[in-house]
């Protein structure tokens, strides 16, 4: 029995210590601990994973394809044949919501990635170097934020709009035709070039406010004694930024990215509702516009299911961001 105990533990200084658990076990235990401590945050993470999963496998999950129109099934209520009912063209609403997950996942994650990169570039550069550079950059950000967000998004979409019959570089409508063909099918990869313009517009608009938050985190970190010590011993600014500043603002960046995920999805739904976003593919915002407003009074399910999808996505991502803030911010850890 003593030999068995020795095998299961490690002796150090006359005491036995259990060996570290395998990484998959620690990861699973961490998820369980997070779910128990922050159930709403776990719900948000589940919503994010579900949307990405459904978007990836939407051609197999959907009960109908994108082009099917059954004129004998126009405006049918939810049933076994059509779980969410049909629209004014006889198209299956459940299938369209499933395909809409592609746009939601691509626009949400793509916008967050672009916002993160731009906000880090602007916020870290402005906050760390300071002086005249900080003054000039922040005045430019002030001008950028002074425009109404929806006006700026609509303007960028109009300027960057793809000309009919062109695809360009990854759907930008300019440069060489390179990247997936948006007319090549209804798979996740073929949907990406349809969302490029929207991702670029939303990313440029949302990055201004995010850069202010990143700059504040950089200024707080820059005032720490270890930054001064690194400067005294001769560390270069690039090394200080990479080894000391970025790791210490990472928690703020993660929380900010999660919160902007819900903002990006809501903004995409708004511009799709206005008819200037993605018009050649089903989106949740698009399903609330057009003829739906005329039929909604007698057919409540038409706006109900897309509206619930938008609500659950935005609510879940906000709850995930709030939970990550409580977990990653040591000042809030254990407060709730």
C-alpha atoms as a PDB file:
ATOM      1  CA  UNK A   1       0.000   0.000   0.000  1.00  0.00           C
ATOM      2  CA  UNK A   2       2.900   2.344   0.756  1.00  0.00           C
ATOM      3  CA  UNK A   3       4.350   1.603  -2.686  1.00  0.00           C
ATOM      4  CA  UNK A   4       0.995   2.381  -4.329  1.00  0.00           C
ATOM      5  CA  UNK A   5       0.784   5.687  -2.438  1.00  0.00           C
ATOM      6  CA  UNK A   6       4.301   6.530  -3.587  1.00  0.00           C
ATOM      7  CA  UNK A   7       3.318   5.878  -7.191  1.00  0.00           C
ATOM      8  CA  UNK A   8       0.298   8.197  -6.954  1.00  0.00           C
ATOM      9  CA  UNK A   9       2.218  11.021  -5.254  1.00  0.00           C
ATOM     10  CA  UNK A  10       5.571  12.762  -5.352  1.00  0.00           C
ATOM     11  CA  UNK A  11       7.835  12.991  -2.307  1.00  0.00           C
ATOM     12  CA  UNK A  12       9.405  16.387  -1.610  1.00  0.00           C
ATOM     13  CA  UNK A  13      10.995  17.441   1.663  1.00  0.00           C
ATOM     14  CA  UNK A  14       9.641  14.406   3.493  1.00  0.00           C
ATOM     15  CA  UNK A  15       6.053  15.121   2.359  1.00  0.00           C
ATOM     16  CA  UNK A  16       3.982  13.602  -0.396  1.00  0.00           C
ATOM     17  CA  UNK A  17       2.273  15.771  -2.985  1.00  0.00           C
ATOM     18  CA  UNK A  18      -0.204  14.657  -5.627  1.00  0.00           C
ATOM     19  CA  UNK A  19       1.155  15.008  -9.202  1.00  0.00           C
ATOM     20  CA  UNK A  20      -0.480  17.693 -11.381  1.00  0.00           C
ATOM     21  CA  UNK A  21      -3.601  16.607 -13.192  1.00  0.00           C
ATOM     22  CA  UNK A  22      -3.518  16.236 -16.983  1.00  0.00           C
ATOM     23  CA  UNK A  23      -4.349  19.367 -18.955  1.00  0.00           C
ATOM     24  CA  UNK A  24      -7.749  18.099 -20.254  1.00  0.00           C
ATOM     25  CA  UNK A  25      -8.806  17.291 -16.694  1.00  0.00           C
ATOM     26  CA  UNK A  26      -7.766  20.726 -15.419  1.00  0.00           C
ATOM     27  CA  UNK A  27      -9.570  22.360 -18.347  1.00  0.00           C
ATOM     28  CA  UNK A  28     -12.770  20.425 -17.622  1.00  0.00           C
ATOM     29  CA  UNK A  29     -12.572  21.248 -13.916  1.00  0.00           C
ATOM     30  CA  UNK A  30     -12.031  24.914 -14.762  1.00  0.00           C
ATOM     31  CA  UNK A  31     -15.157  24.913 -16.934  1.00  0.00           C
ATOM     32  CA  UNK A  32     -17.191  23.273 -14.168  1.00  0.00           C
ATOM     33  CA  UNK A  33     -15.910  25.777 -11.618  1.00  0.00           C
ATOM     34  CA  UNK A  34     -16.724  28.711 -13.924  1.00  0.00           C
ATOM     35  CA  UNK A  35     -20.200  27.311 -14.650  1.00  0.00           C
ATOM     36  CA  UNK A  36     -20.926  26.919 -10.953  1.00  0.00           C
ATOM     37  CA  UNK A  37     -19.630  30.365 -10.008  1.00  0.00           C
ATOM     38  CA  UNK A  38     -21.036  32.231 -13.039  1.00  0.00           C
ATOM     39  CA  UNK A  39     -24.031  30.338 -14.478  1.00  0.00           C
ATOM     40  CA  UNK A  40     -25.116  33.268 -16.657  1.00  0.00           C
ATOM     41  CA  UNK A  41     -21.603  33.555 -18.038  1.00  0.00           C
ATOM     42  CA  UNK A  42     -21.678  29.837 -18.819  1.00  0.00           C
ATOM     43  CA  UNK A  43     -24.997  30.390 -20.596  1.00  0.00           C
ATOM     44  CA  UNK A  44     -23.359  33.098 -22.726  1.00  0.00           C
ATOM     45  CA  UNK A  45     -20.470  30.805 -23.603  1.00  0.00           C
ATOM     46  CA  UNK A  46     -22.956  28.084 -24.555  1.00  0.00           C
ATOM     47  CA  UNK A  47     -24.821  30.525 -26.836  1.00  0.00           C
ATOM     48  CA  UNK A  48     -21.557  31.501 -28.553  1.00  0.00           C
ATOM     49  CA  UNK A  49     -20.543  27.873 -29.110  1.00  0.00           C
ATOM     50  CA  UNK A  50     -24.046  26.993 -30.311  1.00  0.00           C
ATOM     51  CA  UNK A  51     -24.139  29.819 -32.879  1.00  0.00           C
ATOM     52  CA  UNK A  52     -20.719  28.895 -34.260  1.00  0.00           C
ATOM     53  CA  UNK A  53     -21.637  25.192 -34.377  1.00  0.00           C
ATOM     54  CA  UNK A  54     -24.974  25.799 -36.102  1.00  0.00           C
ATOM     55  CA  UNK A  55     -23.321  28.192 -38.549  1.00  0.00           C
ATOM     56  CA  UNK A  56     -20.616  25.674 -39.444  1.00  0.00           C
ATOM     57  CA  UNK A  57     -23.053  22.832 -40.025  1.00  0.00           C
ATOM     58  CA  UNK A  58     -26.052  24.863 -41.205  1.00  0.00           C
ATOM     59  CA  UNK A  59     -26.384  23.100 -44.612  1.00  0.00           C
ATOM     60  CA  UNK A  60     -26.965  19.836 -42.729  1.00  0.00           C
ATOM     61  CA  UNK A  61     -29.014  21.245 -39.838  1.00  0.00           C
ATOM     62  CA  UNK A  62     -31.445  23.267 -41.977  1.00  0.00           C
ATOM     63  CA  UNK A  63     -34.556  21.401 -43.047  1.00  0.00           C
ATOM     64  CA  UNK A  64     -34.708  23.293 -46.361  1.00  0.00           C
ATOM     65  CA  UNK A  65     -32.272  25.027 -48.701  1.00  0.00           C
ATOM     66  CA  UNK A  66     -31.988  28.742 -49.400  1.00  0.00           C
ATOM     67  CA  UNK A  67     -33.772  28.892 -52.760  1.00  0.00           C
ATOM     68  CA  UNK A  68     -36.821  26.726 -52.053  1.00  0.00           C
ATOM     69  CA  UNK A  69     -40.068  28.667 -52.322  1.00  0.00           C
ATOM     70  CA  UNK A  70     -43.316  26.787 -51.871  1.00  0.00           C
ATOM     71  CA  UNK A  71     -46.238  28.944 -53.013  1.00  0.00           C
ATOM     72  CA  UNK A  72     -48.631  26.421 -51.490  1.00  0.00           C
ATOM     73  CA  UNK A  73     -47.063  26.988 -48.061  1.00  0.00           C
ATOM     74  CA  UNK A  74     -47.119  30.787 -47.860  1.00  0.00           C
ATOM     75  CA  UNK A  75     -47.503  32.207 -44.326  1.00  0.00           C
ATOM     76  CA  UNK A  76     -48.095  28.872 -42.656  1.00  0.00           C
ATOM     77  CA  UNK A  77     -47.977  28.784 -38.875  1.00  0.00           C
ATOM     78  CA  UNK A  78     -45.379  26.628 -37.055  1.00  0.00           C
ATOM     79  CA  UNK A  79     -46.018  22.915 -37.609  1.00  0.00           C
ATOM     80  CA  UNK A  80     -44.219  19.585 -37.850  1.00  0.00           C
ATOM     81  CA  UNK A  81     -43.333  20.320 -41.484  1.00  0.00           C
ATOM     82  CA  UNK A  82     -42.149  23.881 -40.769  1.00  0.00           C
ATOM     83  CA  UNK A  83     -41.017  24.242 -37.161  1.00  0.00           C
ATOM     84  CA  UNK A  84     -40.970  28.060 -37.195  1.00  0.00           C
ATOM     85  CA  UNK A  85     -43.544  28.517 -39.947  1.00  0.00           C
ATOM     86  CA  UNK A  86     -43.025  30.030 -43.397  1.00  0.00           C
ATOM     87  CA  UNK A  87     -42.688  33.587 -44.677  1.00  0.00           C
ATOM     88  CA  UNK A  88     -44.581  35.476 -47.377  1.00  0.00           C
ATOM     89  CA  UNK A  89     -42.657  33.606 -50.098  1.00  0.00           C
ATOM     90  CA  UNK A  90     -43.237  30.142 -48.622  1.00  0.00           C
ATOM     91  CA  UNK A  91     -39.657  29.791 -47.368  1.00  0.00           C
ATOM     92  CA  UNK A  92     -38.986  27.802 -44.206  1.00  0.00           C
ATOM     93  CA  UNK A  93     -38.243  30.254 -41.385  1.00  0.00           C
ATOM     94  CA  UNK A  94     -36.301  27.748 -39.274  1.00  0.00           C
ATOM     95  CA  UNK A  95     -33.875  27.081 -42.135  1.00  0.00           C
ATOM     96  CA  UNK A  96     -33.350  30.787 -42.722  1.00  0.00           C
ATOM     97  CA  UNK A  97     -32.590  31.385 -39.038  1.00  0.00           C
ATOM     98  CA  UNK A  98     -30.131  28.481 -39.109  1.00  0.00           C
ATOM     99  CA  UNK A  99     -28.344  29.925 -42.153  1.00  0.00           C
ATOM    100  CA  UNK A 100     -28.427  33.330 -40.468  1.00  0.00           C
ATOM    101  CA  UNK A 101     -26.127  31.899 -37.792  1.00  0.00           C
ATOM    102  CA  UNK A 102     -23.355  31.987 -40.410  1.00  0.00           C
ATOM    103  CA  UNK A 103     -23.636  35.768 -40.755  1.00  0.00           C
ATOM    104  CA  UNK A 104     -23.984  36.254 -36.994  1.00  0.00           C
ATOM    105  CA  UNK A 105     -20.879  34.200 -36.223  1.00  0.00           C
ATOM    106  CA  UNK A 106     -18.760  35.678 -39.020  1.00  0.00           C
ATOM    107  CA  UNK A 107     -19.729  39.305 -38.428  1.00  0.00           C
ATOM    108  CA  UNK A 108     -19.509  38.992 -34.639  1.00  0.00           C
ATOM    109  CA  UNK A 109     -16.144  37.243 -34.460  1.00  0.00           C
ATOM    110  CA  UNK A 110     -14.667  39.085 -37.452  1.00  0.00           C
ATOM    111  CA  UNK A 111     -15.649  42.495 -36.094  1.00  0.00           C
ATOM    112  CA  UNK A 112     -14.288  41.679 -32.635  1.00  0.00           C
ATOM    113  CA  UNK A 113     -10.988  40.523 -34.137  1.00  0.00           C
ATOM    114  CA  UNK A 114     -10.649  43.720 -36.187  1.00  0.00           C
ATOM    115  CA  UNK A 115     -11.675  45.937 -33.253  1.00  0.00           C
ATOM    116  CA  UNK A 116      -9.147  44.202 -30.995  1.00  0.00           C
ATOM    117  CA  UNK A 117      -6.271  44.680 -33.435  1.00  0.00           C
ATOM    118  CA  UNK A 118      -7.076  48.328 -34.179  1.00  0.00           C
ATOM    119  CA  UNK A 119      -7.742  49.256 -30.545  1.00  0.00           C
ATOM    120  CA  UNK A 120      -4.486  47.637 -29.425  1.00  0.00           C
ATOM    121  CA  UNK A 121      -2.533  49.421 -32.145  1.00  0.00           C
ATOM    122  CA  UNK A 122      -4.012  52.834 -31.367  1.00  0.00           C
ATOM    123  CA  UNK A 123      -4.472  52.474 -27.600  1.00  0.00           C
ATOM    124  CA  UNK A 124      -1.071  50.961 -26.790  1.00  0.00           C
ATOM    125  CA  UNK A 125       0.848  53.342 -29.050  1.00  0.00           C
ATOM    126  CA  UNK A 126      -0.967  56.411 -27.751  1.00  0.00           C
ATOM    127  CA  UNK A 127      -0.949  55.409 -24.092  1.00  0.00           C
ATOM    128  CA  UNK A 128       2.637  54.190 -23.831  1.00  0.00           C
ATOM    129  CA  UNK A 129       4.513  56.850 -25.817  1.00  0.00           C
ATOM    130  CA  UNK A 130       2.303  59.782 -24.749  1.00  0.00           C
ATOM    131  CA  UNK A 131       3.349  63.354 -25.486  1.00  0.00           C
ATOM    132  CA  UNK A 132       2.458  64.957 -28.803  1.00  0.00           C
ATOM    133  CA  UNK A 133       1.697  61.595 -30.383  1.00  0.00           C
ATOM    134  CA  UNK A 134      -0.906  60.867 -27.718  1.00  0.00           C
ATOM    135  CA  UNK A 135      -2.406  64.348 -28.144  1.00  0.00           C
ATOM    136  CA  UNK A 136      -2.710  64.038 -31.938  1.00  0.00           C
ATOM    137  CA  UNK A 137      -4.074  60.490 -31.851  1.00  0.00           C
ATOM    138  CA  UNK A 138      -6.664  61.309 -29.195  1.00  0.00           C
ATOM    139  CA  UNK A 139      -7.872  64.381 -31.084  1.00  0.00           C
ATOM    140  CA  UNK A 140      -8.359  62.200 -34.133  1.00  0.00           C
ATOM    141  CA  UNK A 141     -10.274  59.695 -31.995  1.00  0.00           C
ATOM    142  CA  UNK A 142     -12.402  62.576 -30.643  1.00  0.00           C
ATOM    143  CA  UNK A 143     -13.327  63.559 -34.185  1.00  0.00           C
ATOM    144  CA  UNK A 144     -14.036  59.928 -35.072  1.00  0.00           C
ATOM    145  CA  UNK A 145     -16.327  59.471 -32.062  1.00  0.00           C
ATOM    146  CA  UNK A 146     -18.171  62.741 -32.652  1.00  0.00           C
ATOM    147  CA  UNK A 147     -19.977  61.274 -35.672  1.00  0.00           C
ATOM    148  CA  UNK A 148     -23.153  59.295 -34.927  1.00  0.00           C
ATOM    149  CA  UNK A 149     -22.253  55.600 -35.144  1.00  0.00           C
ATOM    150  CA  UNK A 150     -25.144  54.603 -37.403  1.00  0.00           C
ATOM    151  CA  UNK A 151     -24.382  57.497 -39.786  1.00  0.00           C
ATOM    152  CA  UNK A 152     -20.729  56.479 -39.969  1.00  0.00           C
ATOM    153  CA  UNK A 153     -21.607  52.831 -40.588  1.00  0.00           C
ATOM    154  CA  UNK A 154     -24.036  53.690 -43.383  1.00  0.00           C
ATOM    155  CA  UNK A 155     -21.472  56.022 -44.971  1.00  0.00           C
ATOM    156  CA  UNK A 156     -18.742  53.381 -44.910  1.00  0.00           C
ATOM    157  CA  UNK A 157     -21.098  50.774 -46.333  1.00  0.00           C
ATOM    158  CA  UNK A 158     -22.006  53.136 -49.172  1.00  0.00           C
ATOM    159  CA  UNK A 159     -18.343  53.904 -49.932  1.00  0.00           C
ATOM    160  CA  UNK A 160     -17.174  50.294 -49.683  1.00  0.00           C
ATOM    161  CA  UNK A 161     -20.205  48.797 -51.401  1.00  0.00           C
ATOM    162  CA  UNK A 162     -19.347  46.018 -53.846  1.00  0.00           C
ATOM    163  CA  UNK A 163     -20.248  46.749 -57.445  1.00  0.00           C
ATOM    164  CA  UNK A 164     -22.649  44.277 -59.087  1.00  0.00           C
ATOM    165  CA  UNK A 165     -20.836  41.373 -60.686  1.00  0.00           C
ATOM    166  CA  UNK A 166     -17.550  41.912 -58.790  1.00  0.00           C
ATOM    167  CA  UNK A 167     -16.062  40.187 -55.777  1.00  0.00           C
ATOM    168  CA  UNK A 168     -12.509  41.527 -55.478  1.00  0.00           C
ATOM    169  CA  UNK A 169     -10.110  40.533 -52.747  1.00  0.00           C
ATOM    170  CA  UNK A 170     -12.085  38.414 -50.234  1.00  0.00           C
ATOM    171  CA  UNK A 171     -15.324  40.182 -51.109  1.00  0.00           C
ATOM    172  CA  UNK A 172     -13.999  43.762 -50.876  1.00  0.00           C
ATOM    173  CA  UNK A 173     -15.081  44.502 -54.449  1.00  0.00           C
ATOM    174  CA  UNK A 174     -11.621  45.879 -55.261  1.00  0.00           C
ATOM    175  CA  UNK A 175      -8.353  44.354 -56.318  1.00  0.00           C
ATOM    176  CA  UNK A 176      -7.890  40.911 -57.869  1.00  0.00           C
ATOM    177  CA  UNK A 177     -10.672  38.366 -57.549  1.00  0.00           C
ATOM    178  CA  UNK A 178      -9.198  36.257 -54.777  1.00  0.00           C
ATOM    179  CA  UNK A 179     -10.854  34.208 -52.075  1.00  0.00           C
ATOM    180  CA  UNK A 180     -13.964  32.021 -51.787  1.00  0.00           C
ATOM    181  CA  UNK A 181     -16.745  32.409 -54.317  1.00  0.00           C
ATOM    182  CA  UNK A 182     -19.880  33.831 -52.631  1.00  0.00           C
ATOM    183  CA  UNK A 183     -21.955  32.108 -55.315  1.00  0.00           C
ATOM    184  CA  UNK A 184     -20.228  28.781 -54.830  1.00  0.00           C
ATOM    185  CA  UNK A 185     -22.710  27.428 -52.305  1.00  0.00           C
ATOM    186  CA  UNK A 186     -24.334  27.988 -48.945  1.00  0.00           C
ATOM    187  CA  UNK A 187     -21.431  26.728 -46.837  1.00  0.00           C
ATOM    188  CA  UNK A 188     -19.744  28.812 -44.106  1.00  0.00           C
ATOM    189  CA  UNK A 189     -16.673  29.518 -46.248  1.00  0.00           C
ATOM    190  CA  UNK A 190     -18.730  30.849 -49.171  1.00  0.00           C
ATOM    191  CA  UNK A 191     -20.608  33.227 -46.867  1.00  0.00           C
ATOM    192  CA  UNK A 192     -17.428  34.950 -45.668  1.00  0.00           C
ATOM    193  CA  UNK A 193     -16.965  37.324 -48.680  1.00  0.00           C
ATOM    194  CA  UNK A 194     -20.574  38.490 -48.247  1.00  0.00           C
ATOM    195  CA  UNK A 195     -19.713  39.782 -44.766  1.00  0.00           C
ATOM    196  CA  UNK A 196     -16.323  41.418 -45.455  1.00  0.00           C
ATOM    197  CA  UNK A 197     -17.666  44.931 -46.075  1.00  0.00           C
ATOM    198  CA  UNK A 198     -19.882  44.822 -42.980  1.00  0.00           C
ATOM    199  CA  UNK A 199     -17.018  43.560 -40.798  1.00  0.00           C
ATOM    200  CA  UNK A 200     -14.727  46.316 -42.054  1.00  0.00           C
ATOM    201  CA  UNK A 201     -17.324  49.061 -41.502  1.00  0.00           C
ATOM    202  CA  UNK A 202     -18.311  47.909 -38.013  1.00  0.00           C
ATOM    203  CA  UNK A 203     -14.703  47.321 -37.001  1.00  0.00           C
ATOM    204  CA  UNK A 204     -13.604  50.830 -38.016  1.00  0.00           C
ATOM    205  CA  UNK A 205     -16.519  52.435 -36.160  1.00  0.00           C
ATOM    206  CA  UNK A 206     -16.297  50.440 -32.940  1.00  0.00           C
ATOM    207  CA  UNK A 207     -12.494  50.582 -32.674  1.00  0.00           C
ATOM    208  CA  UNK A 208     -12.533  54.255 -31.640  1.00  0.00           C
ATOM    209  CA  UNK A 209     -14.300  53.713 -28.330  1.00  0.00           C
ATOM    210  CA  UNK A 210     -12.385  50.489 -27.652  1.00  0.00           C
ATOM    211  CA  UNK A 211      -9.041  52.253 -28.132  1.00  0.00           C
ATOM    212  CA  UNK A 212      -9.940  54.658 -25.319  1.00  0.00           C
ATOM    213  CA  UNK A 213     -10.460  51.761 -22.901  1.00  0.00           C
ATOM    214  CA  UNK A 214      -7.181  50.135 -23.982  1.00  0.00           C
ATOM    215  CA  UNK A 215      -5.340  53.455 -23.606  1.00  0.00           C
ATOM    216  CA  UNK A 216      -6.649  53.818 -20.037  1.00  0.00           C
ATOM    217  CA  UNK A 217      -5.444  50.305 -19.172  1.00  0.00           C
ATOM    218  CA  UNK A 218      -2.027  51.071 -20.695  1.00  0.00           C
ATOM    219  CA  UNK A 219      -1.686  54.309 -18.698  1.00  0.00           C
ATOM    220  CA  UNK A 220      -2.506  52.435 -15.493  1.00  0.00           C
ATOM    221  CA  UNK A 221       0.031  49.716 -16.279  1.00  0.00           C
ATOM    222  CA  UNK A 222       2.679  52.219 -17.357  1.00  0.00           C
ATOM    223  CA  UNK A 223       2.590  53.818 -13.894  1.00  0.00           C
ATOM    224  CA  UNK A 224       3.581  50.533 -12.225  1.00  0.00           C
ATOM    225  CA  UNK A 225       7.069  50.236 -10.643  1.00  0.00           C
ATOM    226  CA  UNK A 226       8.097  47.238 -12.765  1.00  0.00           C
ATOM    227  CA  UNK A 227       7.702  49.320 -15.945  1.00  0.00           C
ATOM    228  CA  UNK A 228      10.030  51.940 -14.498  1.00  0.00           C
ATOM    229  CA  UNK A 229      12.476  49.216 -13.452  1.00  0.00           C
ATOM    230  CA  UNK A 230      12.473  47.718 -16.948  1.00  0.00           C
ATOM    231  CA  UNK A 231      13.150  51.147 -18.426  1.00  0.00           C
ATOM    232  CA  UNK A 232      16.036  51.786 -16.011  1.00  0.00           C
ATOM    233  CA  UNK A 233      17.817  48.537 -16.894  1.00  0.00           C
ATOM    234  CA  UNK A 234      17.686  49.457 -20.586  1.00  0.00           C
ATOM    235  CA  UNK A 235      14.762  47.442 -21.967  1.00  0.00           C
ATOM    236  CA  UNK A 236      13.544  48.716 -25.321  1.00  0.00           C
ATOM    237  CA  UNK A 237       9.980  50.090 -25.649  1.00  0.00           C
ATOM    238  CA  UNK A 238       9.023  47.165 -27.894  1.00  0.00           C
ATOM    239  CA  UNK A 239      10.218  44.639 -25.319  1.00  0.00           C
ATOM    240  CA  UNK A 240       8.406  46.445 -22.498  1.00  0.00           C
ATOM    241  CA  UNK A 241       5.188  46.530 -24.499  1.00  0.00           C
ATOM    242  CA  UNK A 242       5.376  42.861 -25.485  1.00  0.00           C
ATOM    243  CA  UNK A 243       6.626  41.449 -22.166  1.00  0.00           C
ATOM    244  CA  UNK A 244       4.986  43.719 -19.594  1.00  0.00           C
ATOM    245  CA  UNK A 245       2.233  45.951 -20.982  1.00  0.00           C
ATOM    246  CA  UNK A 246       0.282  43.538 -23.207  1.00  0.00           C
ATOM    247  CA  UNK A 247       0.153  40.641 -20.689  1.00  0.00           C
ATOM    248  CA  UNK A 248      -1.167  42.997 -18.002  1.00  0.00           C
ATOM    249  CA  UNK A 249      -3.925  44.498 -20.155  1.00  0.00           C
ATOM    250  CA  UNK A 250      -4.945  41.144 -21.635  1.00  0.00           C
ATOM    251  CA  UNK A 251      -7.828  40.693 -19.174  1.00  0.00           C
ATOM    252  CA  UNK A 252      -9.253  44.087 -20.148  1.00  0.00           C
ATOM    253  CA  UNK A 253      -8.937  43.250 -23.849  1.00  0.00           C
ATOM    254  CA  UNK A 254     -10.697  39.894 -23.433  1.00  0.00           C
ATOM    255  CA  UNK A 255     -13.620  41.408 -21.546  1.00  0.00           C
ATOM    256  CA  UNK A 256     -13.863  44.287 -24.017  1.00  0.00           C
ATOM    257  CA  UNK A 257     -13.883  41.873 -26.957  1.00  0.00           C
ATOM    258  CA  UNK A 258     -16.682  39.815 -25.438  1.00  0.00           C
ATOM    259  CA  UNK A 259     -18.824  42.879 -24.787  1.00  0.00           C
ATOM    260  CA  UNK A 260     -18.265  44.195 -28.315  1.00  0.00           C
ATOM    261  CA  UNK A 261     -19.388  40.835 -29.683  1.00  0.00           C
ATOM    262  CA  UNK A 262     -22.971  41.590 -28.679  1.00  0.00           C
ATOM    263  CA  UNK A 263     -22.668  45.167 -29.942  1.00  0.00           C
ATOM    264  CA  UNK A 264     -21.463  43.982 -33.348  1.00  0.00           C
ATOM    265  CA  UNK A 265     -24.334  41.506 -33.711  1.00  0.00           C
ATOM    266  CA  UNK A 266     -26.908  44.135 -32.758  1.00  0.00           C
ATOM    267  CA  UNK A 267     -25.357  46.639 -35.189  1.00  0.00           C
ATOM    268  CA  UNK A 268     -25.396  44.084 -38.016  1.00  0.00           C
ATOM    269  CA  UNK A 269     -29.051  43.307 -37.315  1.00  0.00           C
ATOM    270  CA  UNK A 270     -29.817  47.032 -37.396  1.00  0.00           C
ATOM    271  CA  UNK A 271     -28.224  47.721 -40.775  1.00  0.00           C
ATOM    272  CA  UNK A 272     -29.741  44.540 -42.225  1.00  0.00           C
ATOM    273  CA  UNK A 273     -33.137  45.729 -41.015  1.00  0.00           C
ATOM    274  CA  UNK A 274     -32.512  49.014 -42.838  1.00  0.00           C
ATOM    275  CA  UNK A 275     -31.699  47.085 -46.015  1.00  0.00           C
ATOM    276  CA  UNK A 276     -28.108  48.279 -46.451  1.00  0.00           C
ATOM    277  CA  UNK A 277     -26.210  45.376 -44.949  1.00  0.00           C
ATOM    278  CA  UNK A 278     -26.040  41.848 -46.291  1.00  0.00           C
ATOM    279  CA  UNK A 279     -28.933  41.569 -48.730  1.00  0.00           C
ATOM    280  CA  UNK A 280     -28.083  38.424 -50.710  1.00  0.00           C
ATOM    281  CA  UNK A 281     -28.151  35.992 -47.787  1.00  0.00           C
ATOM    282  CA  UNK A 282     -30.563  35.396 -44.865  1.00  0.00           C
ATOM    283  CA  UNK A 283     -29.803  37.496 -41.787  1.00  0.00           C
ATOM    284  CA  UNK A 284     -31.805  37.853 -38.585  1.00  0.00           C
ATOM    285  CA  UNK A 285     -32.208  41.605 -39.001  1.00  0.00           C
ATOM    286  CA  UNK A 286     -33.345  41.194 -42.588  1.00  0.00           C
ATOM    287  CA  UNK A 287     -36.086  38.810 -41.439  1.00  0.00           C
ATOM    288  CA  UNK A 288     -37.652  41.645 -39.414  1.00  0.00           C
ATOM    289  CA  UNK A 289     -37.935  44.056 -42.344  1.00  0.00           C
ATOM    290  CA  UNK A 290     -39.852  44.262 -45.595  1.00  0.00           C
ATOM    291  CA  UNK A 291     -43.158  42.444 -45.846  1.00  0.00           C
ATOM    292  CA  UNK A 292     -42.790  41.102 -42.304  1.00  0.00           C
ATOM    293  CA  UNK A 293     -43.967  44.431 -40.897  1.00  0.00           C
ATOM    294  CA  UNK A 294     -47.175  44.133 -42.921  1.00  0.00           C
ATOM    295  CA  UNK A 295     -47.954  40.551 -41.891  1.00  0.00           C
ATOM    296  CA  UNK A 296     -46.701  40.682 -38.284  1.00  0.00           C
ATOM    297  CA  UNK A 297     -50.097  41.643 -36.838  1.00  0.00           C
ATOM    298  CA  UNK A 298     -51.777  38.449 -38.039  1.00  0.00           C
ATOM    299  CA  UNK A 299     -48.679  36.228 -38.093  1.00  0.00           C
ATOM    300  CA  UNK A 300     -46.829  36.951 -34.869  1.00  0.00           C
ATOM    301  CA  UNK A 301     -44.300  34.149 -35.404  1.00  0.00           C
ATOM    302  CA  UNK A 302     -42.678  36.048 -38.315  1.00  0.00           C
ATOM    303  CA  UNK A 303     -40.916  38.666 -36.137  1.00  0.00           C
ATOM    304  CA  UNK A 304     -40.940  36.538 -32.983  1.00  0.00           C
ATOM    305  CA  UNK A 305     -38.351  33.882 -33.861  1.00  0.00           C
ATOM    306  CA  UNK A 306     -35.716  36.181 -35.468  1.00  0.00           C
ATOM    307  CA  UNK A 307     -36.238  38.678 -32.627  1.00  0.00           C
ATOM    308  CA  UNK A 308     -35.733  35.981 -29.994  1.00  0.00           C
ATOM    309  CA  UNK A 309     -32.575  34.804 -31.790  1.00  0.00           C
ATOM    310  CA  UNK A 310     -31.111  38.328 -31.721  1.00  0.00           C
ATOM    311  CA  UNK A 311     -32.123  38.781 -28.081  1.00  0.00           C
ATOM    312  CA  UNK A 312     -30.572  35.499 -26.913  1.00  0.00           C
ATOM    313  CA  UNK A 313     -27.322  36.161 -28.785  1.00  0.00           C
ATOM    314  CA  UNK A 314     -26.834  39.709 -27.485  1.00  0.00           C
ATOM    315  CA  UNK A 315     -27.993  38.852 -23.958  1.00  0.00           C
ATOM    316  CA  UNK A 316     -25.780  35.767 -23.788  1.00  0.00           C
ATOM    317  CA  UNK A 317     -22.674  37.597 -24.973  1.00  0.00           C
ATOM    318  CA  UNK A 318     -23.248  40.450 -22.551  1.00  0.00           C
ATOM    319  CA  UNK A 319     -23.585  37.957 -19.693  1.00  0.00           C
ATOM    320  CA  UNK A 320     -20.370  36.234 -20.812  1.00  0.00           C
ATOM    321  CA  UNK A 321     -18.498  39.534 -20.875  1.00  0.00           C
ATOM    322  CA  UNK A 322     -19.826  40.484 -17.441  1.00  0.00           C
ATOM    323  CA  UNK A 323     -18.773  37.116 -15.998  1.00  0.00           C
ATOM    324  CA  UNK A 324     -15.302  37.304 -17.545  1.00  0.00           C
ATOM    325  CA  UNK A 325     -14.870  40.782 -16.104  1.00  0.00           C
ATOM    326  CA  UNK A 326     -15.657  39.476 -12.615  1.00  0.00           C
ATOM    327  CA  UNK A 327     -13.282  36.525 -13.036  1.00  0.00           C
ATOM    328  CA  UNK A 328     -10.358  38.301 -14.682  1.00  0.00           C
ATOM    329  CA  UNK A 329     -10.435  41.586 -12.755  1.00  0.00           C
ATOM    330  CA  UNK A 330      -8.812  40.990  -9.356  1.00  0.00           C
ATOM    331  CA  UNK A 331     -10.671  43.990  -7.891  1.00  0.00           C
ATOM    332  CA  UNK A 332     -14.024  42.338  -8.640  1.00  0.00           C
ATOM    333  CA  UNK A 333     -13.035  38.716  -8.030  1.00  0.00           C
ATOM    334  CA  UNK A 334     -15.260  37.206  -5.406  1.00  0.00           C
ATOM    335  CA  UNK A 335     -17.475  40.283  -5.171  1.00  0.00           C
ATOM    336  CA  UNK A 336     -20.474  38.496  -6.671  1.00  0.00           C
END
